[in-house]
N, C-alpha and C. Protein backbone atom coordinates (compact mmCIF):
# COMPACT_ATOMS: atom_id res chain seq x y z
N UNK A 1 4.61 28.97 15.14
CA UNK A 1 5.91 28.89 14.54
C UNK A 1 5.79 28.50 13.07
N UNK A 2 5.00 27.48 12.78
CA UNK A 2 4.81 27.08 11.39
C UNK A 2 4.11 28.17 10.59
N UNK A 3 3.17 28.86 11.23
CA UNK A 3 2.44 29.93 10.55
C UNK A 3 3.39 31.07 10.18
N UNK A 4 4.26 31.46 11.10
CA UNK A 4 5.22 32.53 10.81
C UNK A 4 6.15 32.10 9.68
N UNK A 5 6.65 30.86 9.76
CA UNK A 5 7.55 30.37 8.70
C UNK A 5 6.82 30.31 7.36
N UNK A 6 5.59 29.85 7.38
CA UNK A 6 4.82 29.72 6.14
C UNK A 6 4.47 31.09 5.56
N UNK A 7 3.91 31.95 6.37
CA UNK A 7 3.43 33.23 5.87
C UNK A 7 4.55 34.21 5.56
N UNK A 8 5.51 34.33 6.46
CA UNK A 8 6.56 35.34 6.29
C UNK A 8 7.87 34.77 5.76
N UNK A 9 8.26 33.59 6.24
CA UNK A 9 9.51 32.99 5.79
C UNK A 9 9.48 32.65 4.31
N UNK A 10 8.45 32.00 3.88
CA UNK A 10 8.33 31.67 2.46
C UNK A 10 8.06 32.92 1.63
N UNK A 11 7.39 33.89 2.21
CA UNK A 11 7.04 35.10 1.48
C UNK A 11 8.20 36.05 1.24
N UNK A 12 9.29 35.87 1.99
CA UNK A 12 10.45 36.76 1.85
C UNK A 12 11.43 36.13 0.86
N UNK A 13 11.53 36.71 -0.31
CA UNK A 13 12.40 36.15 -1.35
C UNK A 13 13.86 36.15 -0.96
N UNK A 14 14.27 37.09 -0.09
CA UNK A 14 15.66 37.17 0.36
C UNK A 14 15.94 36.24 1.54
N UNK A 15 14.91 35.55 2.02
CA UNK A 15 15.03 34.62 3.17
C UNK A 15 15.59 35.31 4.41
N UNK A 16 15.10 36.50 4.70
CA UNK A 16 15.56 37.26 5.85
C UNK A 16 14.74 36.99 7.10
N UNK A 17 13.60 36.37 6.96
CA UNK A 17 12.74 36.09 8.11
C UNK A 17 13.23 34.82 8.78
N UNK A 18 13.41 34.88 10.08
CA UNK A 18 13.87 33.73 10.86
C UNK A 18 12.87 33.44 11.97
N UNK A 19 12.78 32.18 12.36
CA UNK A 19 11.87 31.76 13.41
C UNK A 19 12.69 31.32 14.61
N UNK A 20 12.33 31.81 15.79
CA UNK A 20 13.09 31.48 17.00
C UNK A 20 12.16 31.09 18.14
N UNK A 21 12.62 30.11 18.92
CA UNK A 21 12.00 29.79 20.21
C UNK A 21 12.82 30.51 21.26
N UNK A 22 12.17 31.15 22.19
CA UNK A 22 12.87 31.84 23.27
C UNK A 22 12.36 31.30 24.60
N UNK A 23 13.28 31.06 25.52
CA UNK A 23 12.92 30.56 26.84
C UNK A 23 13.99 31.02 27.83
N UNK A 24 13.60 31.19 29.08
CA UNK A 24 14.59 31.62 30.07
C UNK A 24 15.50 30.47 30.51
N UNK A 25 15.06 29.24 30.37
CA UNK A 25 15.90 28.09 30.73
C UNK A 25 15.81 27.02 29.64
N UNK A 26 16.85 26.23 29.55
CA UNK A 26 16.86 25.09 28.64
C UNK A 26 15.81 24.09 29.10
N UNK A 27 14.98 23.61 28.21
CA UNK A 27 13.91 22.69 28.62
C UNK A 27 14.44 21.29 28.94
N UNK A 28 15.17 21.19 30.04
CA UNK A 28 15.83 19.94 30.40
C UNK A 28 14.84 18.79 30.57
N UNK A 29 13.77 19.03 31.28
CA UNK A 29 12.85 17.94 31.61
C UNK A 29 12.17 17.33 30.39
N UNK A 30 11.83 18.14 29.41
CA UNK A 30 11.06 17.62 28.28
C UNK A 30 11.74 17.84 26.93
N UNK A 31 13.02 18.17 26.94
CA UNK A 31 13.72 18.43 25.69
C UNK A 31 13.66 17.23 24.74
N UNK A 32 14.03 16.07 25.23
CA UNK A 32 14.05 14.88 24.37
C UNK A 32 12.67 14.59 23.79
N UNK A 33 11.64 14.79 24.59
CA UNK A 33 10.29 14.48 24.17
C UNK A 33 9.73 15.49 23.17
N UNK A 34 10.02 16.78 23.36
CA UNK A 34 9.38 17.81 22.56
C UNK A 34 10.24 18.48 21.50
N UNK A 35 11.54 18.62 21.72
CA UNK A 35 12.34 19.42 20.80
C UNK A 35 13.46 18.70 20.09
N UNK A 36 14.01 17.66 20.66
CA UNK A 36 15.20 17.02 20.09
C UNK A 36 15.00 16.61 18.63
N UNK A 37 13.86 16.07 18.32
CA UNK A 37 13.59 15.63 16.95
C UNK A 37 13.49 16.75 15.94
N UNK A 38 13.36 17.98 16.41
CA UNK A 38 13.25 19.12 15.51
C UNK A 38 14.57 19.83 15.26
N UNK A 39 15.64 19.42 15.93
CA UNK A 39 16.92 20.13 15.79
C UNK A 39 17.35 20.26 14.33
N UNK A 40 17.22 19.20 13.57
CA UNK A 40 17.65 19.25 12.17
C UNK A 40 16.51 18.96 11.20
N UNK A 41 15.27 19.06 11.68
CA UNK A 41 14.12 18.75 10.84
C UNK A 41 13.84 19.87 9.84
N UNK A 42 13.43 19.50 8.64
CA UNK A 42 13.04 20.43 7.60
C UNK A 42 11.64 20.06 7.13
N UNK A 43 10.91 21.03 6.60
CA UNK A 43 9.58 20.74 6.09
C UNK A 43 9.37 21.48 4.77
N UNK A 44 8.37 21.00 4.03
CA UNK A 44 7.98 21.61 2.77
C UNK A 44 6.51 21.31 2.53
N UNK A 45 5.98 21.90 1.51
CA UNK A 45 4.60 21.61 1.09
C UNK A 45 4.61 20.43 0.13
N UNK A 46 3.56 19.67 0.14
CA UNK A 46 3.47 18.56 -0.81
C UNK A 46 3.49 19.08 -2.25
N UNK A 47 2.93 20.26 -2.46
CA UNK A 47 2.92 20.83 -3.81
C UNK A 47 4.32 21.21 -4.31
N UNK A 48 5.30 21.31 -3.39
CA UNK A 48 6.67 21.63 -3.79
C UNK A 48 7.50 20.41 -4.14
N UNK A 49 6.94 19.23 -3.97
CA UNK A 49 7.65 18.01 -4.36
C UNK A 49 7.71 17.95 -5.88
N UNK A 50 8.91 17.84 -6.41
CA UNK A 50 9.11 17.92 -7.86
C UNK A 50 8.99 16.58 -8.55
N UNK A 51 9.34 15.53 -7.86
CA UNK A 51 9.27 14.22 -8.48
C UNK A 51 9.27 13.12 -7.45
N UNK A 52 8.73 11.98 -7.83
CA UNK A 52 8.69 10.80 -6.96
C UNK A 52 9.21 9.60 -7.74
N UNK A 53 10.10 8.87 -7.09
CA UNK A 53 10.61 7.63 -7.66
C UNK A 53 10.57 6.60 -6.54
N UNK A 54 9.58 5.74 -6.56
CA UNK A 54 9.42 4.77 -5.48
C UNK A 54 9.20 5.50 -4.16
N UNK A 55 10.08 5.24 -3.19
CA UNK A 55 9.99 5.88 -1.88
C UNK A 55 10.75 7.20 -1.81
N UNK A 56 11.39 7.61 -2.90
CA UNK A 56 12.22 8.81 -2.93
C UNK A 56 11.47 9.96 -3.58
N UNK A 57 11.58 11.13 -2.96
CA UNK A 57 11.00 12.34 -3.53
C UNK A 57 12.11 13.37 -3.71
N UNK A 58 11.93 14.28 -4.66
CA UNK A 58 12.91 15.35 -4.84
C UNK A 58 12.21 16.69 -4.61
N UNK A 59 12.94 17.55 -3.89
CA UNK A 59 12.44 18.88 -3.54
C UNK A 59 13.58 19.86 -3.73
N UNK A 60 13.30 21.00 -4.32
CA UNK A 60 14.31 22.05 -4.44
C UNK A 60 14.70 22.50 -3.03
N UNK A 61 15.98 22.68 -2.78
CA UNK A 61 16.43 23.04 -1.43
C UNK A 61 15.85 24.37 -0.97
N UNK A 62 15.52 25.27 -1.89
CA UNK A 62 14.90 26.54 -1.51
C UNK A 62 13.48 26.35 -0.97
N UNK A 63 12.89 25.20 -1.24
CA UNK A 63 11.53 24.92 -0.76
C UNK A 63 11.52 24.20 0.58
N UNK A 64 12.69 23.96 1.17
CA UNK A 64 12.79 23.33 2.48
C UNK A 64 13.00 24.39 3.54
N UNK A 65 12.22 24.34 4.60
CA UNK A 65 12.35 25.30 5.69
C UNK A 65 12.56 24.55 7.00
N UNK A 66 13.39 25.08 7.88
CA UNK A 66 13.54 24.47 9.20
C UNK A 66 12.33 24.80 10.06
N UNK A 67 12.04 23.97 11.05
CA UNK A 67 10.96 24.27 11.98
C UNK A 67 11.30 25.51 12.79
N UNK A 68 12.57 25.69 13.08
CA UNK A 68 13.03 26.92 13.72
C UNK A 68 14.48 27.17 13.32
N UNK A 69 14.88 28.43 13.37
CA UNK A 69 16.24 28.81 13.03
C UNK A 69 17.11 28.97 14.27
N UNK A 70 16.45 29.19 15.41
CA UNK A 70 17.19 29.42 16.65
C UNK A 70 16.32 28.99 17.82
N UNK A 71 16.92 28.23 18.72
CA UNK A 71 16.30 27.91 20.01
C UNK A 71 17.17 28.60 21.04
N UNK A 72 16.67 29.68 21.61
CA UNK A 72 17.47 30.51 22.50
C UNK A 72 17.01 30.35 23.94
N UNK A 73 17.95 29.93 24.79
CA UNK A 73 17.70 29.90 26.22
C UNK A 73 18.94 30.46 26.91
N UNK A 74 18.81 30.82 28.15
CA UNK A 74 19.94 31.37 28.88
C UNK A 74 20.94 30.31 29.33
N UNK A 75 20.56 29.05 29.23
CA UNK A 75 21.47 27.99 29.67
C UNK A 75 22.10 27.23 28.51
N UNK A 76 21.41 27.14 27.37
CA UNK A 76 21.96 26.48 26.19
C UNK A 76 21.11 26.87 24.99
N UNK A 77 21.75 27.17 23.88
CA UNK A 77 21.01 27.58 22.69
C UNK A 77 21.49 26.82 21.46
N UNK A 78 20.64 26.74 20.45
CA UNK A 78 20.97 26.11 19.19
C UNK A 78 20.71 27.10 18.08
N UNK A 79 21.65 27.20 17.15
CA UNK A 79 21.54 28.14 16.04
C UNK A 79 21.74 27.38 14.75
N UNK A 80 20.85 27.58 13.80
CA UNK A 80 20.97 26.95 12.49
C UNK A 80 21.54 27.92 11.47
N UNK A 81 21.94 29.09 11.94
CA UNK A 81 22.42 30.14 11.06
C UNK A 81 23.55 30.86 11.78
N UNK A 82 24.69 30.99 11.14
CA UNK A 82 25.87 31.60 11.78
C UNK A 82 25.63 33.06 12.14
N UNK A 83 24.89 33.78 11.30
CA UNK A 83 24.61 35.19 11.61
C UNK A 83 23.76 35.31 12.88
N UNK A 84 22.81 34.41 13.07
CA UNK A 84 22.02 34.44 14.31
C UNK A 84 22.89 34.13 15.51
N UNK A 85 23.80 33.17 15.35
CA UNK A 85 24.70 32.82 16.45
C UNK A 85 25.57 34.01 16.83
N UNK A 86 26.12 34.69 15.85
CA UNK A 86 26.97 35.85 16.12
C UNK A 86 26.17 36.97 16.78
N UNK A 87 24.92 37.12 16.43
CA UNK A 87 24.11 38.22 16.96
C UNK A 87 23.51 37.92 18.33
N UNK A 88 23.10 36.67 18.58
CA UNK A 88 22.29 36.38 19.76
C UNK A 88 22.87 35.39 20.75
N UNK A 89 24.05 34.87 20.52
CA UNK A 89 24.57 33.87 21.46
C UNK A 89 24.91 34.51 22.80
N UNK A 90 24.86 33.72 23.84
CA UNK A 90 25.22 34.20 25.17
C UNK A 90 26.68 34.65 25.17
N UNK A 91 27.53 33.97 24.42
CA UNK A 91 28.93 34.37 24.32
C UNK A 91 29.07 35.78 23.75
N UNK A 92 28.26 36.10 22.75
CA UNK A 92 28.28 37.44 22.19
C UNK A 92 27.84 38.46 23.23
N UNK A 93 26.80 38.11 23.99
CA UNK A 93 26.32 39.00 25.05
C UNK A 93 27.40 39.22 26.10
N UNK A 94 28.05 38.17 26.54
CA UNK A 94 29.12 38.30 27.54
C UNK A 94 30.27 39.16 27.03
N UNK A 95 30.66 38.96 25.77
CA UNK A 95 31.72 39.79 25.18
C UNK A 95 31.31 41.26 25.17
N UNK A 96 30.07 41.51 24.80
CA UNK A 96 29.58 42.89 24.73
C UNK A 96 29.54 43.51 26.13
N UNK A 97 29.10 42.77 27.12
CA UNK A 97 29.04 43.29 28.48
C UNK A 97 30.43 43.52 29.06
N UNK A 98 31.34 42.61 28.73
CA UNK A 98 32.71 42.72 29.24
C UNK A 98 33.45 43.91 28.66
N UNK A 99 33.04 44.37 27.50
CA UNK A 99 33.71 45.48 26.86
C UNK A 99 33.20 46.84 27.29
N UNK A 100 32.13 46.85 28.09
CA UNK A 100 31.56 48.13 28.50
C UNK A 100 32.28 48.67 29.73
N UNK A 101 32.45 49.96 29.77
CA UNK A 101 33.05 50.64 30.93
C UNK A 101 31.93 51.02 31.89
N UNK A 102 32.18 50.92 33.18
CA UNK A 102 31.19 51.36 34.18
C UNK A 102 31.41 52.78 34.54
């Protein structure tokens, strides 16, 4: 995941590359232990730190990347991007299926 974000996410000037976790079920048993802390986590390279003042560092917001943009499961999903939510949410799938004629 970090490799994809680093190699392709940073490499795309238009920021069109997104990173997603996919699973058939929500990781109920180990969610708190493995994923909860990453819901809103961002990362950058140390070389992208522009300045340091005591314990405070400054980084250009374009140099911050999320660990993932979407955690998709069939029971519950998280989206950090509205376009991903509109395209891949279970609600979108249900609407699309409901609109089809048999």
